Amino acid sequence: MEEDEDHEHVKTTASSRPAVVDRKTNTYHRLESGLERDLVKLFFLRDDVVSIKAQDGPHRYKVEGKFHEHIIDVAAGLDDGSVEHWAVKPEGPTAEQTRAEMKLLNNQHRKDGGDEFFLATSEDISKARVNFAGNILHTREVANEFETARVHEALLELGGRARIWQLAVRLPDLYLSAVRTAVWDLIDKGLAVHDHPSPEAVVVSAGSWILAVGKD
């Protein structure tokens, strides 16, 4: 009976771990933290990332003649055959310690190939960046080309710069959600940007300014 209870505890703990699905490959990734899950979402937007692996390692490095090991939180395989090894930590003393470990790993392993070791903190994986990635990924699944074209035309008619809610007022037959999806589609296509001094630090809302841009 005790063994069954222990087994159930392990199953419950594992099932509570954050998970994310890569729609391009239908691959299910189970991570150790919400920060790791959000980093993987950012990787989904990168065209050069072809594979993702959680809990990679251990990777060994030497300090004063003694070997130490580090399990990498997320490894991203790139289309050139190299691998980016990412440690993920909240901002703080632990992150600084991990940053030093990543430097040692790079110094001691870079000569073996093109692989690199990085640290991503809660500041790097900001709410705004994760929100951006999530909206772009969702839009790629549900965007309507005709509605995107209409919103683009409305944006140009308003002088090329407007708040999202102003675009919705301009197109009363479209739900605000449809206008927002079209705006994200324009951003993804390089036809518009979130017009803010620090767009990577601010979550896009109905009151956000959108600026039309030319696509090179």
Protein backbone atom coordinates (compact mmCIF):
# COMPACT_ATOMS: atom_id res chain seq x y z
CA MET A 1 0.00 0.00 0.00
CA GLU A 2 2.83 2.34 0.87
CA GLU A 3 4.47 1.71 -2.52
CA ASP A 4 1.20 2.60 -4.28
CA GLU A 5 0.96 5.88 -2.35
CA ASP A 6 4.54 6.77 -3.25
CA HIS A 7 3.87 5.96 -6.90
CA GLU A 8 0.76 8.13 -6.87
CA HIS A 9 2.75 11.01 -5.37
CA VAL A 10 5.33 10.77 -8.15
CA LYS A 11 2.61 10.74 -10.80
CA THR A 12 0.88 13.75 -9.26
CA THR A 13 4.11 15.73 -9.05
CA ALA A 14 5.03 14.95 -12.65
CA SER A 15 1.57 15.78 -13.98
CA SER A 16 1.66 19.19 -12.28
CA ARG A 17 4.79 20.27 -14.16
CA PRO A 18 4.24 22.95 -16.84
CA ALA A 19 3.93 21.65 -20.37
CA VAL A 20 3.75 23.09 -23.86
CA VAL A 21 3.04 21.65 -27.31
CA ASP A 22 5.04 22.51 -30.43
CA ARG A 23 2.32 22.73 -33.08
CA LYS A 24 4.83 22.46 -35.92
CA THR A 25 6.02 19.02 -34.83
CA ASN A 26 3.18 17.96 -32.49
CA THR A 27 5.83 17.43 -29.83
CA TYR A 28 4.81 17.62 -26.16
CA HIS A 29 7.41 19.19 -23.86
CA ARG A 30 7.15 18.90 -20.07
CA LEU A 31 9.28 21.46 -18.22
CA GLU A 32 10.35 22.05 -14.64
CA SER A 33 9.02 25.60 -14.26
CA GLY A 34 6.79 28.22 -15.82
CA LEU A 35 9.87 30.21 -16.81
CA GLU A 36 11.23 27.25 -18.77
CA ARG A 37 7.86 26.79 -20.49
CA ASP A 38 7.80 30.46 -21.46
CA LEU A 39 11.34 30.29 -22.84
CA VAL A 40 10.30 27.38 -25.05
CA LYS A 41 7.40 29.51 -26.36
CA LEU A 42 9.94 32.15 -27.39
CA PHE A 43 11.92 29.45 -29.20
CA PHE A 44 8.82 28.48 -31.19
CA LEU A 45 9.07 31.85 -32.98
CA ARG A 46 12.66 31.26 -34.09
CA ASP A 47 13.03 29.83 -37.59
CA ASP A 48 16.50 28.47 -36.80
CA VAL A 49 15.35 26.27 -33.89
CA VAL A 50 14.58 22.76 -35.17
CA SER A 51 14.46 20.75 -31.93
CA ILE A 52 13.98 21.30 -28.21
CA LYS A 53 15.01 19.11 -25.31
CA ALA A 54 14.30 19.62 -21.62
CA GLN A 55 16.78 18.62 -18.90
CA ASP A 56 19.89 18.08 -20.99
CA GLY A 57 23.14 16.84 -19.52
CA PRO A 58 24.89 16.66 -17.18
CA HIS A 59 27.58 18.96 -18.59
CA ARG A 60 30.90 18.93 -16.74
CA TYR A 61 33.22 21.82 -15.97
CA LYS A 62 36.31 22.09 -13.82
CA VAL A 63 37.02 24.55 -10.99
CA GLU A 64 40.37 24.43 -9.20
CA GLY A 65 41.02 20.92 -10.41
CA LYS A 66 37.62 19.53 -9.37
CA PHE A 67 34.84 18.56 -11.75
CA HIS A 68 31.31 19.88 -11.29
CA GLU A 69 28.14 19.06 -13.23
CA HIS A 70 25.26 21.20 -14.48
CA ILE A 71 21.94 19.94 -15.87
CA ILE A 72 20.77 22.33 -18.58
CA ASP A 73 17.11 23.32 -18.36
CA VAL A 74 16.42 23.65 -22.10
CA ALA A 75 18.56 22.71 -25.11
CA ALA A 76 17.66 24.18 -28.50
CA GLY A 77 18.99 22.41 -31.59
CA LEU A 78 19.65 24.78 -34.49
CA ASP A 79 19.42 24.24 -38.22
CA ASP A 80 23.21 24.50 -38.58
CA GLY A 81 23.70 21.47 -36.33
CA SER A 82 24.81 23.41 -33.25
CA VAL A 83 23.02 23.45 -29.91
CA GLU A 84 22.17 26.30 -27.55
CA HIS A 85 22.16 25.14 -23.93
CA TRP A 86 19.99 27.36 -21.73
CA ALA A 87 19.89 27.60 -17.95
CA VAL A 88 16.75 29.34 -16.65
CA LYS A 89 16.68 31.21 -13.33
CA PRO A 90 14.73 34.03 -11.66
CA GLU A 91 16.71 37.24 -11.23
CA GLY A 92 18.84 37.21 -8.08
CA PRO A 93 21.94 35.68 -6.49
CA THR A 94 21.25 32.20 -7.89
CA ALA A 95 21.12 33.64 -11.40
CA GLU A 96 24.49 35.31 -10.93
CA GLN A 97 26.02 32.05 -9.74
CA THR A 98 24.55 30.25 -12.75
CA ARG A 99 25.85 32.98 -15.06
CA ALA A 100 29.36 32.24 -13.80
CA GLU A 101 28.83 28.51 -14.43
CA MET A 102 27.69 29.21 -18.01
CA LYS A 103 30.85 31.25 -18.58
CA LEU A 104 32.99 28.35 -17.35
CA LEU A 105 31.12 25.89 -19.56
CA ASN A 106 31.61 28.13 -22.59
CA ASN A 107 35.30 28.58 -21.86
CA GLN A 108 35.86 24.85 -21.42
CA HIS A 109 33.55 23.48 -24.14
CA ARG A 110 33.49 26.00 -27.00
CA LYS A 111 36.69 24.53 -28.43
CA ASP A 112 34.82 21.24 -28.93
CA GLY A 113 32.31 22.69 -31.40
CA GLY A 114 29.75 25.41 -32.06
CA ASP A 115 27.57 24.72 -29.03
CA GLU A 116 27.05 27.57 -26.55
CA PHE A 117 25.75 27.93 -23.00
CA PHE A 118 23.40 30.76 -22.00
CA LEU A 119 21.46 32.04 -19.02
CA ALA A 120 17.88 33.31 -19.40
CA THR A 121 16.42 35.13 -16.40
CA SER A 122 12.92 36.27 -15.52
CA GLU A 123 13.92 39.67 -16.93
CA ASP A 124 14.79 38.13 -20.30
CA ILE A 125 11.61 36.06 -20.34
CA SER A 126 9.35 39.02 -19.66
CA LYS A 127 5.56 38.85 -19.59
CA ALA A 128 5.40 41.13 -22.64
CA ARG A 129 7.74 38.93 -24.70
CA VAL A 130 5.85 35.78 -23.78
CA ASN A 131 2.54 37.49 -24.55
CA PHE A 132 3.93 38.57 -27.93
CA ALA A 133 5.04 35.02 -28.75
CA GLY A 134 1.75 33.49 -27.63
CA ASN A 135 -0.30 35.91 -29.72
CA ILE A 136 1.81 35.41 -32.83
CA LEU A 137 1.66 31.61 -32.53
CA HIS A 138 -2.11 31.68 -31.98
CA THR A 139 -2.60 34.08 -34.89
CA ARG A 140 -0.75 31.79 -37.27
CA GLU A 141 -3.41 29.17 -36.59
CA VAL A 142 -6.55 31.33 -36.82
CA ALA A 143 -5.76 34.44 -38.91
CA ASN A 144 -8.21 35.38 -41.67
CA GLU A 145 -6.43 36.95 -44.65
CA PHE A 146 -9.48 38.96 -45.69
CA GLU A 147 -9.94 40.45 -42.21
CA THR A 148 -6.23 41.21 -41.98
CA ALA A 149 -6.41 43.10 -45.28
CA ARG A 150 -9.40 45.11 -44.05
CA VAL A 151 -7.67 46.06 -40.80
CA HIS A 152 -4.54 47.02 -42.73
CA GLU A 153 -6.61 49.24 -45.01
CA ALA A 154 -8.33 50.84 -42.01
CA LEU A 155 -4.96 51.50 -40.39
CA LEU A 156 -3.72 53.26 -43.52
CA GLU A 157 -6.95 55.28 -43.76
CA LEU A 158 -6.37 56.49 -40.20
CA GLY A 159 -2.99 57.88 -41.21
CA GLY A 160 -0.95 54.74 -40.60
CA ARG A 161 -1.09 55.01 -36.81
CA ALA A 162 -4.02 54.12 -34.57
CA ARG A 163 -4.99 52.41 -31.35
CA ILE A 164 -6.45 48.93 -31.68
CA TRP A 165 -9.82 50.07 -30.35
CA GLN A 166 -9.91 52.82 -33.00
CA LEU A 167 -9.49 50.19 -35.69
CA ALA A 168 -12.38 48.25 -34.14
CA VAL A 169 -14.58 51.37 -34.22
CA ARG A 170 -13.62 51.83 -37.88
CA LEU A 171 -14.77 48.27 -38.61
CA PRO A 172 -17.96 47.83 -36.54
CA ASP A 173 -18.89 44.53 -38.18
CA LEU A 174 -15.74 42.87 -36.78
CA TYR A 175 -15.41 41.76 -33.18
CA LEU A 176 -12.59 43.38 -31.23
CA SER A 177 -10.99 39.93 -30.94
CA ALA A 178 -10.94 39.62 -34.74
CA VAL A 179 -9.34 43.06 -35.07
CA ARG A 180 -6.70 42.12 -32.50
CA THR A 181 -5.94 38.90 -34.38
CA ALA A 182 -5.60 40.86 -37.62
CA VAL A 183 -3.23 43.33 -35.94
CA TRP A 184 -1.03 40.47 -34.72
CA ASP A 185 -1.09 39.04 -38.24
CA LEU A 186 0.11 42.40 -39.61
CA ILE A 187 2.89 42.48 -37.02
CA ASP A 188 3.91 38.92 -37.89
CA LYS A 189 3.97 39.81 -41.60
CA GLY A 190 6.13 42.88 -40.97
CA LEU A 191 3.40 45.29 -42.04
CA ALA A 192 2.89 46.90 -38.62
CA VAL A 193 4.62 47.32 -35.27
CA HIS A 194 3.59 48.02 -31.70
CA ASP A 195 4.43 51.73 -31.52
CA HIS A 196 5.95 52.10 -28.06
CA PRO A 197 9.40 53.22 -26.82
CA SER A 198 9.87 49.83 -25.11
CA PRO A 199 7.53 47.39 -26.87
CA GLU A 200 9.35 44.37 -25.41
CA ALA A 201 8.40 45.55 -21.91
CA VAL A 202 4.70 46.34 -22.44
CA VAL A 203 1.82 43.94 -23.08
CA VAL A 204 -0.26 44.90 -26.11
CA SER A 205 -3.82 45.93 -25.23
CA ALA A 206 -6.81 47.48 -26.98
CA GLY A 207 -5.35 50.89 -26.15
CA SER A 208 -1.95 50.18 -27.71
CA TRP A 209 -0.74 52.24 -30.67
CA ILE A 210 -0.12 50.33 -33.90
CA LEU A 211 2.05 51.81 -36.64
CA ALA A 212 1.93 50.72 -40.28
CA VAL A 213 5.35 50.08 -41.80
CA GLY A 214 6.59 49.26 -45.27
CA LYS A 215 7.87 45.75 -45.84
CA ASP A 216 11.29 45.60 -47.49
